Amino acid sequence: MIGKAIAGWIGSRIDRRDGEGGALGAAVGVATWEVAKRVVPAAFVLGAGAVGAAYLRRRLTTEHGPDTGLGA
């Protein structure tokens, strides 16, 4: 709840700079906050997965050699 209020206030302040008011800016600020609450954690999870996959790929190719498919 406090996050929505802060986002609305920031959006309103940004929108008031043009001299026409701040209702649209407040709505955009709250919408941006709602989207960011869902996108940022997902980006962290995807980034951690990518880093983990790169680490495992590098570790497996350096310790055991590249996979030649010959079974030896």
N, C-alpha and C. Protein backbone atom coordinates (compact mmCIF):
# COMPACT_ATOMS: atom_id res chain seq x y z
N MET A 1 0.82 -1.19 0.00
CA MET A 1 0.00 0.00 0.00
C MET A 1 0.87 1.26 0.00
N ILE A 2 1.89 1.26 0.83
CA ILE A 2 2.77 2.43 0.90
C ILE A 2 3.53 2.59 -0.42
N GLY A 3 3.84 1.46 -1.08
CA GLY A 3 4.54 1.54 -2.36
C GLY A 3 3.69 2.21 -3.43
N LYS A 4 2.39 1.91 -3.44
CA LYS A 4 1.49 2.55 -4.40
C LYS A 4 1.40 4.05 -4.13
N ALA A 5 1.33 4.42 -2.85
CA ALA A 5 1.25 5.84 -2.51
C ALA A 5 2.51 6.58 -2.94
N ILE A 6 3.65 5.99 -2.68
CA ILE A 6 4.92 6.63 -3.07
C ILE A 6 5.03 6.72 -4.58
N ALA A 7 4.67 5.64 -5.28
CA ALA A 7 4.73 5.64 -6.75
C ALA A 7 3.77 6.67 -7.33
N GLY A 8 2.58 6.78 -6.76
CA GLY A 8 1.62 7.79 -7.22
C GLY A 8 2.12 9.20 -6.99
N TRP A 9 2.74 9.43 -5.84
CA TRP A 9 3.27 10.75 -5.54
C TRP A 9 4.40 11.11 -6.49
N ILE A 10 5.31 10.17 -6.74
CA ILE A 10 6.42 10.43 -7.66
C ILE A 10 5.90 10.70 -9.07
N GLY A 11 4.96 9.87 -9.53
CA GLY A 11 4.38 10.08 -10.85
C GLY A 11 3.66 11.40 -10.96
N SER A 12 2.95 11.79 -9.91
CA SER A 12 2.26 13.07 -9.90
C SER A 12 3.25 14.23 -9.98
N ARG A 13 4.33 14.14 -9.23
CA ARG A 13 5.34 15.20 -9.25
C ARG A 13 5.99 15.32 -10.63
N ILE A 14 6.24 14.19 -11.27
CA ILE A 14 6.83 14.23 -12.61
C ILE A 14 5.85 14.85 -13.59
N ASP A 15 4.57 14.49 -13.49
CA ASP A 15 3.57 15.00 -14.43
C ASP A 15 3.28 16.48 -14.20
N ARG A 16 3.45 16.98 -13.02
CA ARG A 16 3.18 18.40 -12.74
C ARG A 16 4.23 19.32 -13.36
N ARG A 17 5.34 18.78 -13.76
CA ARG A 17 6.40 19.62 -14.33
C ARG A 17 5.94 20.32 -15.61
N ASP A 18 4.98 19.71 -16.33
CA ASP A 18 4.51 20.35 -17.56
C ASP A 18 3.44 21.39 -17.29
N GLY A 19 2.98 21.53 -16.03
CA GLY A 19 2.03 22.56 -15.67
C GLY A 19 0.58 22.22 -15.90
N GLU A 20 0.25 20.99 -16.25
CA GLU A 20 -1.13 20.64 -16.54
C GLU A 20 -1.79 19.80 -15.45
N GLY A 21 -1.09 19.38 -14.45
CA GLY A 21 -1.69 18.56 -13.40
C GLY A 21 -0.94 17.26 -13.24
N GLY A 22 -1.42 16.44 -12.30
CA GLY A 22 -0.66 15.25 -12.00
C GLY A 22 -1.44 13.96 -11.91
N ALA A 23 -2.73 13.95 -12.30
CA ALA A 23 -3.53 12.73 -12.15
C ALA A 23 -3.04 11.62 -13.08
N LEU A 24 -2.74 11.94 -14.32
CA LEU A 24 -2.25 10.93 -15.26
C LEU A 24 -0.89 10.40 -14.81
N GLY A 25 -0.04 11.27 -14.34
CA GLY A 25 1.27 10.84 -13.86
C GLY A 25 1.16 9.93 -12.65
N ALA A 26 0.20 10.22 -11.76
CA ALA A 26 -0.01 9.36 -10.60
C ALA A 26 -0.45 7.98 -11.03
N ALA A 27 -1.36 7.91 -12.00
CA ALA A 27 -1.84 6.61 -12.49
C ALA A 27 -0.70 5.84 -13.16
N VAL A 28 0.10 6.52 -13.95
CA VAL A 28 1.23 5.86 -14.61
C VAL A 28 2.26 5.40 -13.58
N GLY A 29 2.49 6.20 -12.54
CA GLY A 29 3.42 5.81 -11.49
C GLY A 29 2.98 4.55 -10.77
N VAL A 30 1.68 4.46 -10.45
CA VAL A 30 1.16 3.27 -9.77
C VAL A 30 1.23 2.06 -10.69
N ALA A 31 0.88 2.24 -11.97
CA ALA A 31 0.94 1.13 -12.92
C ALA A 31 2.38 0.63 -13.09
N THR A 32 3.31 1.55 -13.15
CA THR A 32 4.72 1.17 -13.27
C THR A 32 5.18 0.39 -12.04
N TRP A 33 4.74 0.81 -10.87
CA TRP A 33 5.09 0.10 -9.63
C TRP A 33 4.54 -1.32 -9.65
N GLU A 34 3.30 -1.49 -10.08
CA GLU A 34 2.68 -2.82 -10.12
C GLU A 34 3.42 -3.74 -11.09
N VAL A 35 3.80 -3.22 -12.24
CA VAL A 35 4.53 -4.02 -13.22
C VAL A 35 5.92 -4.37 -12.68
N ALA A 36 6.59 -3.41 -12.08
CA ALA A 36 7.95 -3.64 -11.58
C ALA A 36 7.97 -4.68 -10.46
N LYS A 37 6.90 -4.74 -9.66
CA LYS A 37 6.86 -5.74 -8.58
C LYS A 37 6.87 -7.15 -9.13
N ARG A 38 6.40 -7.33 -10.35
CA ARG A 38 6.35 -8.67 -10.92
C ARG A 38 7.52 -8.95 -11.86
N VAL A 39 8.00 -7.94 -12.54
CA VAL A 39 9.05 -8.13 -13.54
C VAL A 39 10.43 -8.27 -12.90
N VAL A 40 10.73 -7.47 -11.90
CA VAL A 40 12.07 -7.48 -11.30
C VAL A 40 12.40 -8.83 -10.67
N PRO A 41 11.53 -9.43 -9.84
CA PRO A 41 11.87 -10.76 -9.32
C PRO A 41 12.02 -11.82 -10.41
N ALA A 42 11.19 -11.74 -11.43
CA ALA A 42 11.31 -12.70 -12.54
C ALA A 42 12.64 -12.52 -13.26
N ALA A 43 13.08 -11.28 -13.42
CA ALA A 43 14.37 -11.03 -14.06
C ALA A 43 15.52 -11.58 -13.23
N PHE A 44 15.42 -11.48 -11.90
CA PHE A 44 16.45 -12.06 -11.04
C PHE A 44 16.51 -13.57 -11.19
N VAL A 45 15.35 -14.21 -11.24
CA VAL A 45 15.32 -15.67 -11.38
C VAL A 45 15.90 -16.09 -12.72
N LEU A 46 15.50 -15.42 -13.79
CA LEU A 46 16.03 -15.76 -15.12
C LEU A 46 17.53 -15.49 -15.20
N GLY A 47 17.99 -14.40 -14.61
CA GLY A 47 19.42 -14.10 -14.61
C GLY A 47 20.22 -15.13 -13.83
N ALA A 48 19.69 -15.53 -12.67
CA ALA A 48 20.38 -16.56 -11.88
C ALA A 48 20.43 -17.88 -12.63
N GLY A 49 19.37 -18.21 -13.34
CA GLY A 49 19.37 -19.43 -14.14
C GLY A 49 20.39 -19.38 -15.25
N ALA A 50 20.51 -18.23 -15.90
CA ALA A 50 21.48 -18.09 -16.99
C ALA A 50 22.91 -18.18 -16.46
N VAL A 51 23.17 -17.54 -15.33
CA VAL A 51 24.51 -17.61 -14.73
C VAL A 51 24.82 -19.03 -14.30
N GLY A 52 23.85 -19.71 -13.69
CA GLY A 52 24.06 -21.10 -13.27
C GLY A 52 24.32 -22.03 -14.44
N ALA A 53 23.59 -21.84 -15.53
CA ALA A 53 23.79 -22.68 -16.71
C ALA A 53 25.17 -22.44 -17.31
N ALA A 54 25.60 -21.19 -17.37
CA ALA A 54 26.93 -20.89 -17.91
C ALA A 54 28.02 -21.47 -17.02
N TYR A 55 27.82 -21.39 -15.71
CA TYR A 55 28.80 -21.96 -14.77
C TYR A 55 28.90 -23.47 -14.95
N LEU A 56 27.76 -24.14 -15.01
CA LEU A 56 27.78 -25.60 -15.17
C LEU A 56 28.38 -26.01 -16.51
N ARG A 57 28.05 -25.28 -17.57
CA ARG A 57 28.59 -25.60 -18.88
C ARG A 57 30.11 -25.46 -18.88
N ARG A 58 30.60 -24.38 -18.28
CA ARG A 58 32.05 -24.16 -18.22
C ARG A 58 32.72 -25.21 -17.34
N ARG A 59 32.11 -25.54 -16.23
CA ARG A 59 32.69 -26.52 -15.32
C ARG A 59 32.74 -27.91 -15.93
N LEU A 60 31.69 -28.30 -16.61
CA LEU A 60 31.65 -29.64 -17.21
C LEU A 60 32.61 -29.77 -18.39
N THR A 61 32.81 -28.72 -19.15
CA THR A 61 33.72 -28.82 -20.30
C THR A 61 35.17 -28.73 -19.87
N THR A 62 35.50 -28.07 -18.78
CA THR A 62 36.91 -27.96 -18.38
C THR A 62 37.37 -29.16 -17.57
N GLU A 63 36.51 -29.78 -16.76
CA GLU A 63 36.93 -30.91 -15.94
C GLU A 63 36.92 -32.22 -16.71
N HIS A 64 35.96 -32.41 -17.56
CA HIS A 64 35.80 -33.70 -18.23
C HIS A 64 36.11 -33.63 -19.72
N GLY A 65 36.47 -32.51 -20.20
CA GLY A 65 36.73 -32.36 -21.62
C GLY A 65 35.43 -32.22 -22.39
N PRO A 66 35.52 -31.79 -23.61
CA PRO A 66 34.30 -31.65 -24.40
C PRO A 66 33.69 -33.01 -24.69
N ASP A 67 32.39 -33.05 -24.79
CA ASP A 67 31.68 -34.29 -25.07
C ASP A 67 31.82 -34.62 -26.55
N THR A 68 32.54 -35.71 -26.85
CA THR A 68 32.75 -36.11 -28.25
C THR A 68 31.67 -37.05 -28.74
N GLY A 69 30.90 -37.62 -27.83
CA GLY A 69 29.84 -38.53 -28.22
C GLY A 69 30.32 -39.94 -28.49
N LEU A 70 31.59 -40.26 -28.21
CA LEU A 70 32.14 -41.59 -28.48
C LEU A 70 32.00 -42.53 -27.30
N GLY A 71 31.56 -42.02 -26.15
CA GLY A 71 31.36 -42.86 -24.99
C GLY A 71 32.63 -43.20 -24.24
N ALA A 72 33.72 -42.58 -24.54
CA ALA A 72 34.97 -42.91 -23.85
C ALA A 72 35.44 -41.78 -23.00
